[in-house]
Each structure stands twice: as structure tokens, then as C-alpha cells.
Protein backbone atom coordinates (compact mmCIF):
# COMPACT_ATOMS: atom_id res chain seq x y z
CA UNK A 1 -0.20 -0.06 0.22
CA UNK A 2 1.12 3.71 -0.42
CA UNK A 3 1.17 5.73 2.18
CA UNK A 4 0.71 9.38 3.10
CA UNK A 5 2.36 11.24 6.05
CA UNK A 6 0.57 14.10 7.82
CA UNK A 7 2.13 16.64 10.32
CA UNK A 8 1.17 19.37 12.14
CA UNK A 9 3.80 21.64 14.36
CA UNK A 10 3.36 23.24 17.08
CA UNK A 11 6.05 26.18 17.64
CA UNK A 12 7.45 27.89 20.50
CA UNK A 13 9.09 31.10 20.22
CA UNK A 14 10.29 32.74 23.47
CA UNK A 15 9.88 36.62 22.77
CA UNK A 16 12.46 39.41 22.80
CA UNK A 17 10.97 41.32 25.76
CA UNK A 18 13.30 42.63 28.10
CA UNK A 19 11.28 41.31 31.08
CA UNK A 20 8.90 38.29 31.97
CA UNK A 21 5.64 37.70 30.97
CA UNK A 22 4.15 38.57 34.88
CA UNK A 23 7.09 40.52 36.65
CA UNK A 24 9.75 42.32 36.03
CA UNK A 25 12.15 39.42 36.41
CA UNK A 26 15.09 40.03 33.13
CA UNK A 27 15.30 37.36 30.51
CA UNK A 28 18.60 37.55 29.91
CA UNK A 29 20.02 33.77 28.59
CA UNK A 30 22.91 32.77 30.12
CA UNK A 31 23.64 33.89 33.57
CA UNK A 32 24.06 32.06 36.83
CA UNK A 33 21.07 30.03 37.17
CA UNK A 34 18.06 31.15 39.70
CA UNK A 35 19.24 34.73 39.10
CA UNK A 36 16.31 35.80 37.90
CA UNK A 37 13.16 34.46 39.62
CA UNK A 38 11.03 36.51 42.12
CA UNK A 39 7.97 36.06 44.42
CA UNK A 40 5.87 36.49 41.21
CA UNK A 41 7.59 34.11 38.87
CA UNK A 42 7.70 31.52 41.40
CA UNK A 43 4.08 31.75 42.73
CA UNK A 44 4.21 32.62 46.12
CA UNK A 45 1.33 33.23 48.06
CA UNK A 46 0.13 36.44 48.37
CA UNK A 47 2.03 37.65 44.64
CA UNK A 48 0.00 39.19 41.89
CA UNK A 49 0.88 38.73 38.50
CA UNK A 50 0.84 41.85 35.65
CA UNK A 51 0.70 41.33 32.10
CA UNK A 52 3.78 42.38 29.74
CA UNK A 53 1.77 44.54 27.51
CA UNK A 54 5.09 44.34 25.01
CA UNK A 55 4.23 40.69 24.59
CA UNK A 56 0.77 41.41 23.77
CA UNK A 57 2.34 43.74 21.17
CA UNK A 58 4.83 41.19 19.56
CA UNK A 59 2.58 38.25 19.53
CA UNK A 60 -0.64 40.77 17.63
CA UNK A 61 2.55 41.66 15.20
CA UNK A 62 3.51 37.78 14.78
CA UNK A 63 -0.18 37.45 13.99
CA UNK A 64 -0.98 40.46 11.85
CA UNK A 65 2.62 38.90 9.71
CA UNK A 66 1.15 35.69 9.00
CA UNK A 67 -2.42 36.66 8.05
CA UNK A 68 -4.34 35.70 11.56
CA UNK A 69 -7.36 37.09 12.46
CA UNK A 70 -6.52 38.86 15.99
CA UNK A 71 -8.97 38.01 18.49
CA UNK A 72 -10.32 41.15 20.17
CA UNK A 73 -11.11 40.22 23.99
CA UNK A 74 -9.67 37.50 24.98
CA UNK A 75 -8.99 35.59 28.48
CA UNK A 76 -5.56 33.46 29.82
CA UNK A 77 -6.34 30.32 31.71
CA UNK A 78 -4.12 27.80 34.41
CA UNK A 79 -3.10 24.86 32.60
CA UNK A 80 -2.51 22.71 35.36
CA UNK A 81 0.24 19.93 35.58
CA UNK A 82 3.23 19.22 37.72
CA UNK A 83 6.33 19.00 36.54
CA UNK A 84 10.12 19.59 38.72
CA UNK A 85 10.69 23.00 36.61
CA UNK A 86 7.14 24.40 37.23
CA UNK A 87 6.72 25.44 40.60
CA UNK A 88 3.25 26.73 40.44
CA UNK A 89 2.32 23.43 39.42
CA UNK A 90 0.41 25.40 36.69
CA UNK A 91 1.29 27.30 33.48
CA UNK A 92 -0.70 30.91 32.43
CA UNK A 93 -1.83 29.98 28.65
CA UNK A 94 -4.81 30.48 26.19
CA UNK A 95 -7.17 27.58 25.40
CA UNK A 96 -10.63 29.29 24.40
CA UNK A 97 -9.30 32.48 23.19
CA UNK A 98 -6.01 32.23 21.32
CA UNK A 99 -4.97 36.28 20.63
CA UNK A 100 -4.47 34.77 16.70
CA UNK A 101 -6.69 32.47 14.66
CA UNK A 102 -7.33 31.39 11.35
CA UNK A 103 -3.77 32.57 9.86
CA UNK A 104 -1.81 30.97 6.69
CA UNK A 105 1.67 30.89 5.17
CA UNK A 106 2.59 30.46 1.72
CA UNK A 107 5.58 28.07 1.13
CA UNK A 108 7.65 26.72 -1.94
CA UNK A 109 8.59 23.08 -2.46
CA UNK A 110 9.78 21.80 -5.55
CA UNK A 111 8.51 25.03 -7.78
CA UNK A 112 5.05 24.51 -6.35
CA UNK A 113 3.37 27.07 -3.73
CA UNK A 114 1.26 25.16 -1.07
CA UNK A 115 -0.65 27.13 1.81
CA UNK A 116 -0.29 25.99 5.45
CA UNK A 117 -2.68 27.13 7.85
CA UNK A 118 -2.59 28.31 11.10
CA UNK A 119 -4.58 27.31 13.60
CA UNK A 120 -3.66 29.59 16.09
CA UNK A 121 -1.42 31.65 18.13
CA UNK A 122 -1.27 32.03 22.00
CA UNK A 123 0.76 33.35 24.37
CA UNK A 124 2.12 31.54 27.60
CA UNK A 125 4.86 31.73 29.92
CA UNK A 126 7.81 29.27 29.67
CA UNK A 127 8.78 26.79 31.85
CA UNK A 128 12.25 26.11 33.51
CA UNK A 129 14.73 24.00 33.20
CA UNK A 130 16.06 20.99 34.05
CA UNK A 131 19.62 19.95 34.11
CA UNK A 132 20.23 16.26 34.28
CA UNK A 133 23.84 15.34 35.89
CA UNK A 134 25.58 12.54 33.86
CA UNK A 135 25.77 9.29 35.09
CA UNK A 136 22.38 10.03 36.97
CA UNK A 137 24.13 11.91 40.10
CA UNK A 138 20.24 13.55 39.89
CA UNK A 139 18.53 16.90 38.31
CA UNK A 140 19.28 20.60 39.12
CA UNK A 141 16.69 23.24 38.42
CA UNK A 142 17.11 26.28 36.76
CA UNK A 143 13.95 28.69 37.11
CA UNK A 144 15.44 31.97 35.01
CA UNK A 145 13.66 30.82 32.03
CA UNK A 146 10.44 30.50 34.06
CA UNK A 147 8.17 32.85 33.33
CA UNK A 148 9.64 33.99 30.24
CA UNK A 149 7.31 35.56 27.39
CA UNK A 150 6.16 32.43 24.69
CA UNK A 151 3.89 32.60 21.44
CA UNK A 152 3.12 28.95 20.19
CA UNK A 153 2.28 28.75 16.55
CA UNK A 154 -0.19 25.91 16.00
CA UNK A 155 -0.75 24.40 12.39
CA UNK A 156 -3.60 22.57 10.88
CA UNK A 157 -2.36 18.98 10.09
CA UNK A 158 -1.71 20.65 6.18
CA UNK A 159 2.01 19.23 6.01
CA UNK A 160 2.79 16.30 4.00
CA UNK A 161 6.40 15.90 4.33
CA UNK A 162 9.71 16.51 5.96
CA UNK A 163 10.99 18.56 3.05
CA UNK A 164 7.31 21.01 3.86
CA UNK A 165 8.02 21.02 7.49
CA UNK A 166 11.44 22.08 6.70
CA UNK A 167 10.14 24.93 4.59
CA UNK A 168 7.07 25.83 6.93
CA UNK A 169 9.92 26.91 10.16
CA UNK A 170 12.35 28.50 7.74
CA UNK A 171 9.54 30.88 6.69
CA UNK A 172 8.29 30.97 10.57
CA UNK A 173 12.12 31.30 11.60
CA UNK A 174 12.35 34.52 9.11
CA UNK A 175 9.15 36.21 9.38
CA UNK A 176 9.90 36.52 12.85
CA UNK A 177 13.23 37.85 12.89
CA UNK A 178 12.51 40.35 10.18
CA UNK A 179 9.82 41.47 12.74
CA UNK A 180 12.17 41.42 15.61
CA UNK A 181 10.09 39.38 17.95
CA UNK A 182 12.14 36.56 19.03
CA UNK A 183 15.66 36.08 18.12
CA UNK A 184 15.30 32.56 17.11
CA UNK A 185 18.56 31.20 18.59
CA UNK A 186 17.27 27.59 18.13
CA UNK A 187 20.68 26.38 20.36
CA UNK A 188 19.24 28.75 23.06
CA UNK A 189 16.03 27.27 22.69
CA UNK A 190 14.31 30.36 21.93
CA UNK A 191 12.39 28.58 18.97
CA UNK A 192 11.39 24.98 19.20
CA UNK A 193 9.11 22.83 18.24
CA UNK A 194 6.78 19.65 18.77
CA UNK A 195 5.67 17.67 15.53
CA UNK A 196 2.72 15.65 15.30
CA UNK A 197 2.87 12.81 13.23
CA UNK A 198 0.17 10.71 11.45
CA UNK A 199 0.10 8.80 8.35
CA UNK A 200 -2.47 7.19 6.74
CA UNK A 201 -3.53 5.16 3.13
CA UNK A 202 -3.38 7.45 -0.02
CA UNK A 203 -6.52 8.79 -0.57
CA UNK A 204 -8.22 8.30 3.01
CA UNK A 205 -10.05 11.13 4.48
CA UNK A 206 -9.92 10.32 7.81
CA UNK A 207 -6.39 10.82 9.82
CA UNK A 208 -4.53 8.39 11.32
CA UNK A 209 -3.79 8.12 15.25
CA UNK A 210 -1.09 10.61 15.57
CA UNK A 211 1.84 10.53 18.16
CA UNK A 212 3.86 13.97 19.21
CA UNK A 213 7.89 14.47 19.52
CA UNK A 214 8.53 17.48 22.05
CA UNK A 215 11.15 20.12 21.96
CA UNK A 216 13.36 19.49 18.85
CA UNK A 217 15.25 22.55 18.43
CA UNK A 218 16.97 21.94 15.31
CA UNK A 219 15.50 21.95 11.36
CA UNK A 220 17.67 18.80 11.54
CA UNK A 221 16.37 17.07 14.12
CA UNK A 222 12.53 18.11 13.26
CA UNK A 223 13.21 16.23 9.35
CA UNK A 224 14.86 13.34 10.96
CA UNK A 225 12.39 12.75 13.60
CA UNK A 226 9.48 13.29 11.09
CA UNK A 227 10.88 10.54 8.55
CA UNK A 228 11.85 8.49 11.46
CA UNK A 229 8.36 8.21 12.67
CA UNK A 230 6.44 8.27 9.64
CA UNK A 231 8.57 4.77 8.81
CA UNK A 232 7.60 3.48 12.43
CA UNK A 233 3.63 4.19 11.82
CA UNK A 234 3.61 2.62 8.51
CA UNK A 235 5.90 -0.67 9.51
CA UNK A 236 3.50 -0.80 12.80
CA UNK A 237 0.62 -0.99 9.93
CA UNK A 238 1.76 -3.12 8.24
CA UNK A 239 2.34 -5.71 10.64
CA UNK A 240 -0.81 -5.16 12.02
CA UNK A 241 0.52 -3.39 15.42
CA UNK A 242 -1.50 -0.63 16.84
CA UNK A 243 -0.40 2.81 17.17
CA UNK A 244 -0.69 4.46 20.54
CA UNK A 245 -1.61 8.04 20.66
CA UNK A 246 1.59 9.25 22.92
CA UNK A 247 4.22 11.60 23.63
CA UNK A 248 7.28 10.54 22.27
CA UNK A 249 11.06 11.73 22.88
CA UNK A 250 13.28 12.10 19.80
CA UNK A 251 17.11 10.94 20.27
CA UNK A 252 19.11 12.96 17.37
CA UNK A 253 22.08 10.98 18.44
CA UNK A 254 20.52 7.77 17.81
CA UNK A 255 17.84 8.68 15.16
CA UNK A 256 15.00 7.37 17.27
CA UNK A 257 12.24 8.07 19.21
CA UNK A 258 11.29 6.55 22.45
CA UNK A 259 7.73 6.71 24.18
CA UNK A 260 7.38 9.23 27.14
CA UNK A 261 3.76 8.97 28.55
CA UNK A 262 0.19 8.46 27.24
CA UNK A 263 -1.07 12.01 24.70
CA UNK A 264 -2.80 14.30 27.10
CA UNK A 265 -5.63 16.12 26.06
CA UNK A 266 -7.47 19.35 26.86
CA UNK A 267 -9.54 18.07 29.38
CA UNK A 268 -6.51 16.65 31.51
CA UNK A 269 -5.07 20.21 32.07
CA UNK A 270 -8.25 21.09 33.91
CA UNK A 271 -8.01 24.40 32.15
CA UNK A 272 -9.71 27.47 34.35
CA UNK A 273 -9.46 31.24 33.48
CA UNK A 274 -6.93 33.02 35.87
CA UNK A 275 -8.87 34.61 38.45
CA UNK A 276 -5.75 37.04 38.75
CA UNK A 277 -5.40 38.52 35.47
CA UNK A 278 -8.63 40.32 33.78
CA UNK A 279 -9.36 40.24 29.89
CA UNK A 280 -7.20 41.10 27.19
CA UNK A 281 -9.04 43.34 25.26
CA UNK A 282 -7.92 44.53 21.88
CA UNK A 283 -9.59 47.49 19.57
CA UNK A 284 -9.04 47.90 16.06
CA UNK A 285 -7.48 51.00 16.52
CA UNK A 286 -4.46 49.19 18.55
CA UNK A 287 -4.53 46.54 15.80
CA UNK A 288 -3.99 49.05 12.94
CA UNK A 289 -1.06 50.60 14.90
CA UNK A 290 0.65 47.81 15.27
CA UNK A 291 0.14 46.78 11.41
CA UNK A 292 1.55 50.15 10.14
CA UNK A 293 4.96 49.16 12.54
CA UNK A 294 5.57 45.87 10.10
CA UNK A 295 8.35 45.45 7.99
CA UNK A 296 8.82 44.71 4.83
CA UNK A 297 8.43 40.50 4.65
CA UNK A 298 10.06 37.91 3.50
CA UNK A 299 8.12 37.08 0.83
CA UNK A 300 7.88 40.42 -0.09
CA UNK A 301 11.46 41.27 -0.23
CA UNK A 302 11.75 37.93 -2.02
CA UNK A 303 9.73 39.16 -4.88
CA UNK A 304 11.24 42.94 -5.23
CA UNK A 305 14.94 41.19 -5.18
CA UNK A 306 13.75 38.82 -8.50
CA UNK A 307 11.62 41.82 -9.89
CA UNK A 308 14.42 44.72 -8.89
CA UNK A 309 17.24 42.91 -9.04
CA UNK A 310 16.91 40.41 -11.68
CA UNK A 311 18.80 37.65 -9.76
CA UNK A 312 17.12 33.82 -9.48
CA UNK A 313 14.04 33.33 -7.66
CA UNK A 314 16.26 30.20 -5.47
CA UNK A 315 18.85 32.91 -5.14
CA UNK A 316 16.76 35.12 -3.48
CA UNK A 317 14.99 32.54 -1.35
CA UNK A 318 18.11 31.50 0.24
CA UNK A 319 19.10 35.44 0.78
CA UNK A 320 16.32 36.46 1.99
CA UNK A 321 15.85 34.00 4.69
CA UNK A 322 17.77 35.54 6.90
CA UNK A 323 17.21 39.08 7.48
CA UNK A 324 20.93 39.99 8.81
CA UNK A 325 21.93 38.02 5.15
CA UNK A 326 19.47 40.14 2.81
CA UNK A 327 20.45 43.35 4.49
CA UNK A 328 24.27 42.45 3.91
CA UNK A 329 23.31 41.44 0.05
CA UNK A 330 21.27 45.16 -0.48
CA UNK A 331 24.43 46.97 1.20
CA UNK A 332 26.73 45.57 -1.11
CA UNK A 333 24.65 46.38 -4.02
CA UNK A 334 24.18 49.73 -3.13
CA UNK A 335 27.98 50.29 -2.84
CA UNK A 336 27.66 49.29 -6.54
CA UNK A 337 28.61 45.93 -6.34
CA UNK A 338 26.39 43.78 -9.21
CA UNK A 339 23.34 41.60 -7.45
CA UNK A 340 23.99 38.48 -9.36
CA UNK A 341 27.91 38.71 -8.37
CA UNK A 342 27.48 39.44 -5.13
CA UNK A 343 24.29 36.49 -4.32
CA UNK A 344 27.34 34.47 -5.93
CA UNK A 345 29.76 35.32 -3.18
CA UNK A 346 27.24 34.79 -0.53
CA UNK A 347 25.48 31.29 -1.29
CA UNK A 348 29.16 30.64 -2.89
CA UNK A 349 32.37 30.70 -0.62
CA UNK A 350 31.33 32.50 1.97
CA UNK A 351 28.41 30.37 2.81
CA UNK A 352 31.11 27.28 2.32
CA UNK A 353 32.97 28.77 5.06
CA UNK A 354 30.45 29.52 7.33
CA UNK A 355 29.39 25.97 6.58
CA UNK A 356 32.59 24.67 7.80
CA UNK A 357 32.62 26.72 10.44
CA UNK A 358 29.44 25.91 11.77
CA UNK A 359 28.79 29.36 11.74
CA UNK A 360 25.42 31.73 11.04
CA UNK A 361 25.42 34.68 8.42
CA UNK A 362 25.44 36.88 11.18
CA UNK A 363 29.04 35.46 12.38
CA UNK A 364 30.15 36.94 8.88
CA UNK A 365 33.13 39.25 10.72
CA UNK A 366 33.65 41.47 7.54
CA UNK A 367 31.33 44.43 6.54
CA UNK A 368 29.66 44.79 3.32
CA UNK A 369 32.18 47.51 2.10
CA UNK A 370 35.19 44.87 2.35
CA UNK A 371 32.73 42.30 0.06
CA UNK A 372 31.80 45.14 -2.42
CA UNK A 373 35.84 46.09 -2.74
CA UNK A 374 36.56 42.39 -3.21
CA UNK A 375 34.19 42.09 -6.01
CA UNK A 376 35.28 45.56 -7.56
CA UNK A 377 39.05 44.84 -7.63
CA UNK A 378 38.00 41.23 -9.41
CA UNK A 379 36.09 42.90 -11.65
CA UNK A 380 38.78 45.60 -13.09
CA UNK A 381 41.26 42.54 -13.45
CA UNK A 382 43.33 43.47 -10.52
CA UNK A 383 43.18 40.46 -9.00
CA UNK A 384 42.12 37.25 -10.36
CA UNK A 385 38.76 35.40 -9.51
CA UNK A 386 40.80 32.64 -7.75
CA UNK A 387 43.06 35.13 -5.86
CA UNK A 388 39.85 36.66 -4.73
CA UNK A 389 39.11 33.58 -2.61
CA UNK A 390 42.47 33.54 -0.96
CA UNK A 391 41.34 37.69 0.00
CA UNK A 392 37.52 35.97 1.40
CA UNK A 393 39.66 33.29 3.09
CA UNK A 394 42.01 36.43 4.99
CA UNK A 395 38.67 38.59 5.65
CA UNK A 396 37.81 35.61 7.47
CA UNK A 397 40.58 35.98 9.81
CA UNK A 398 41.48 39.17 9.79
CA UNK A 399 38.90 41.57 8.41
CA UNK A 400 40.51 44.68 6.43
CA UNK A 401 41.05 46.09 3.25
CA UNK A 402 40.98 44.06 0.46
CA UNK A 403 43.26 45.85 -1.23
CA UNK A 404 45.98 45.58 1.47
CA UNK A 405 45.79 42.24 1.43
CA UNK A 406 46.41 42.03 -2.15
CA UNK A 407 49.70 43.97 -1.54
CA UNK A 408 50.38 41.87 1.36
CA UNK A 409 50.06 38.73 -0.01
CA UNK A 410 51.10 39.98 -3.62
CA UNK A 411 48.15 38.63 -5.20
CA UNK A 412 48.08 41.31 -8.23
CA UNK A 413 46.79 40.09 -11.18
CA UNK A 414 49.67 39.61 -14.22
CA UNK A 415 47.98 41.14 -17.42
CA UNK A 416 51.30 42.59 -19.20
CA UNK A 417 50.97 40.54 -22.63
CA UNK A 418 54.45 40.91 -23.40
CA UNK A 419 55.46 38.91 -19.65
CA UNK A 420 52.19 36.60 -20.03
CA UNK A 421 53.42 35.63 -23.64
CA UNK A 422 56.83 34.55 -22.50
CA UNK A 423 55.56 32.19 -20.19
CA UNK A 424 53.44 30.46 -22.60
CA UNK A 425 56.01 30.10 -25.04
CA UNK A 426 57.99 28.38 -22.38
CA UNK A 427 54.92 26.32 -21.07
CA UNK A 428 54.32 25.27 -24.93
CA UNK A 429 57.91 24.50 -25.62
CA UNK A 430 58.17 22.24 -22.12
CA UNK A 431 55.07 20.26 -23.21
CA UNK A 432 55.36 19.57 -27.21
CA UNK A 433 53.03 16.38 -26.71
CA UNK A 434 50.04 19.01 -26.33
CA UNK A 435 51.32 21.07 -28.97
CA UNK A 436 50.62 18.32 -31.43
CA UNK A 437 47.17 16.81 -29.55
CA UNK A 438 46.13 20.58 -30.44
CA UNK A 439 47.66 19.94 -34.12
CA UNK A 440 45.31 16.89 -33.68
CA UNK A 441 42.15 18.69 -32.81
CA UNK A 442 41.98 17.60 -29.19
CA UNK A 443 40.36 20.43 -27.26
CA UNK A 444 41.45 18.83 -23.81
CA UNK A 445 45.02 19.90 -25.15
CA UNK A 446 43.83 23.43 -24.65
CA UNK A 447 42.99 23.01 -21.27
CA UNK A 448 45.88 21.37 -20.27
CA UNK A 449 48.60 23.93 -21.68
CA UNK A 450 45.87 26.69 -19.65
CA UNK A 451 46.52 25.48 -16.11
CA UNK A 452 50.11 24.74 -16.90
CA UNK A 453 50.19 28.47 -17.44
CA UNK A 454 48.43 29.45 -14.39
CA UNK A 455 50.54 27.25 -12.39
CA UNK A 456 53.50 28.96 -13.87
CA UNK A 457 52.29 32.38 -12.85
CA UNK A 458 51.35 30.77 -9.23
CA UNK A 459 47.75 31.84 -10.09
CA UNK A 460 48.10 35.18 -11.10
CA UNK A 461 47.94 35.33 -15.07
CA UNK A 462 45.11 36.50 -16.61
CA UNK A 463 42.85 33.95 -17.26
CA UNK A 464 40.99 35.48 -20.48
CA UNK A 465 44.32 36.86 -21.57
CA UNK A 466 46.42 33.59 -21.19
CA UNK A 467 43.08 31.59 -23.01
CA UNK A 468 43.65 34.90 -25.73
CA UNK A 469 47.36 34.33 -26.25
CA UNK A 470 47.85 30.88 -25.51
CA UNK A 471 45.31 30.22 -28.69
CA UNK A 472 46.72 32.58 -30.74
CA UNK A 473 50.36 30.93 -30.20
CA UNK A 474 49.19 27.86 -31.19
CA UNK A 475 47.50 28.71 -34.18
CA UNK A 476 50.71 30.51 -35.17
CA UNK A 477 52.64 27.47 -34.85
């Protein structure tokens, strides 16, 4: 039988506010454990929470950017459950009246556009963090993160593959970065994802039994988890086994998931309105004032790049997926660099070095002015493209004026015809077999001699001039 994978995502994004959701404690990452706590976020008797208005604004901003309807009046509820990192024994969240509903994002996969519906975006507070000691020595708890403002973005089960999930996550991450409502540092846990997976026979209308894998904090983990869990479901169905609705933990090192607990339903949490918090009331004026602050979003920027800069849509998508990279690209172009050339460098050699260093675009150590100058001195013939790659490597090590690097490293391109012709004659004389092959019509002989000439000039010979002068000399002979 043929099967169809059905995926729904629940994305948790920590909001970039200075203070927590219901108190004045700082939200800074990396502090000493348990220093950003107070009686309010620890739910001590007699304390009262006060909602962070900036968190509400950020959530509305995210909703507008994802084509959601904004709820005019909503309450906050207590979601009751006990975990060691949740001292209240409940989480303040939203169940009945989420802040944003009925949104969507259009993604592009394999050249086709698909709309992924967003069921809701609601606000809630984060829990603390458990630190398990190696060797089973015990578990420590850090409550600094407890009470940090979150939005949870819940999709409809519209995703049909790991690749579609990746495309959707990339789109959400880019939108949140452009809005500056979340820093999206997945390695720090500020953006993480729960994945719901089920399978059904192709053509079936009813969904299969779903399982959930929680707190995946990398695109790679999400893709591998979906693919692995989908295979597990199919194998179970083929062997006549029952799929149990449950929460599973994904082990990225082993590439497998294992059962944690039965999947809870809403009634298990005993939601009820938080008696200490008033309704959130939002009027049209408030919504429109936030709408006016929306920046140019990734999809619009992508279309502009294709139309204005005439770069391929694939290039535009990769560049605009990172706000920092898109700004870097536009700065280079504004300095006079050709858009497609800038794109080639950023998505080619720059991306290669970043991957080798396991770094992000934000960690590019040099400025757009440096890259624009490098492109300029290559295009005016000062250095070859090969030498340009050496300059780029030096820019990553010690950023400075590319022209200074060229002088220090002796990378100036040889464009003197007389000097190049002397080298070419010597190369031909040293390779008589290649001359005979050229006369016999073997095209590879020309390429070999070009390579030998570039080697003789230590990569500094002007490639265009070498090709021209070499052909003339070969034809003359």
C-alpha cells in the first residue's frame, strides 16, 4: 500500500522582551542559575501577576504577519500540570480564546506553492529548565527561564513531508526575525518545535493516530524525526500493530524516538480562567497601529529581489531567509556591486566557509564594504577570481581593506601581454606532446596548457588574456 504522512507543528518562540510575562525579572540568557526569579514568577502566596503589554504587542505583530485574525477580547487560563521545572504547578496559557486565529503562510517546495494554515497563535509563559547530571547523579533546576513570554504557533495538519515542514519552519523563523519579536536562536531554546505525525493510506479522508515528539530545537532534528516516525508508523500498520496516541522523545544521536507518556488531552489539564488576570481587550485602533509597524516581510522582499535585482528566485529565497544576510546583500548592491555577483559570493564561497565553521550569517566578521571592494578589484582585473578566494579567506581571519591584503600577499594579477607571452612560449616548449595533440584537434590539450600557464604564474595570470594569447600562439605554430 501507499501511505501519506500527515504533520502538524506546534512552534514555541520566546519573545524578545526585556522582562518576563507577568513580573519584572530579566529574560537575559546565560546568567548564573536562579538569579532571575522573584516571588511572582515563583507563584508565592499573596503575589499577583501583571501582564507584559509589550509581549501582547509582539504576539499581535506575529499574528498580522502570518495573516491571522486578531481576537478582540480574550482571557488567560491556568493549564494545570506538575513538573519539577514548574513551581506553580500550572502554566498561564490560552485555550478558549487564543490571541490570533485562522492564519496561513504560503511555502514553496520543489517549485510548487502550498498554503499551510495556522490554527492559532496564543501567548503563554515558559517553564524552567532541568539539568540532568551525567551518570544519574541527580537533576538540578534553573528557573531563570520560568515566566519568559512565549507565543505558540499551531498549524493545521496540512504538512505532508519533512521537506514541507522544513520550508514552513524556515518561513516562520525568517518572519519572526524580520519582525524582531524573537531572536530565533534555536541552540539557546528560544525557538523550538513539537511535531505531530500520523500516516494514512493515500486517498483516505480520516487521519491516522498521531504521536507527538516534543522540544526539537533544530531543522535537522525535525526532518529526521518526521521521516523516522513516519517509517515507524508504516511498519507498525504493515505488521498489524496498533499505533498508540502518545508523547515520544526524539533521540537525535541515535536517530530514534521512544515513548514518554500517553498523550494528554485538553481536559487532562483542567483549564480554568486565571482569577488574577483580567481579560485582554484589543480594539481596531491598536491593531492598525501595530500593522503600520510591520516591516517588508521575507516573501515581499523575495519578490522585489527577483524583479528589481533580476536574480534567480532560488537565490532570492536563500538570501531573504536571513534578515541579516538580506541586509548585507542590499548594502553590497548599494555600494555598486552587481546583484548576481554578490549573490554568487554570499551563497557560494561565503556560505561554504560559514558551514565549515558551523557559523551563521550574523557571524560574518567583515563588512559589506569589504565584499563590495573585493568584487570591484576582481572585476577591474587587479586580481583573479582565484586570488579573490584567498582574499576572502583572509577577510574571515583578519578583516581589513581587501586592497591591503592583495598587496601584503602579492596577489596582483599579471595582465602584461609581453610577460604572459614569455610564460606561454616556455610552457608550450616544455609540452611538445600537447602541441601535437592540439594540432590533431584534441580540445583537452588547450585546457591542459592553460592550467600549466596558470601554475607557472602562481595563479596570478589573467585567465582571459592567457586563453587569448595561448590560442594565438598555438594557431601560429
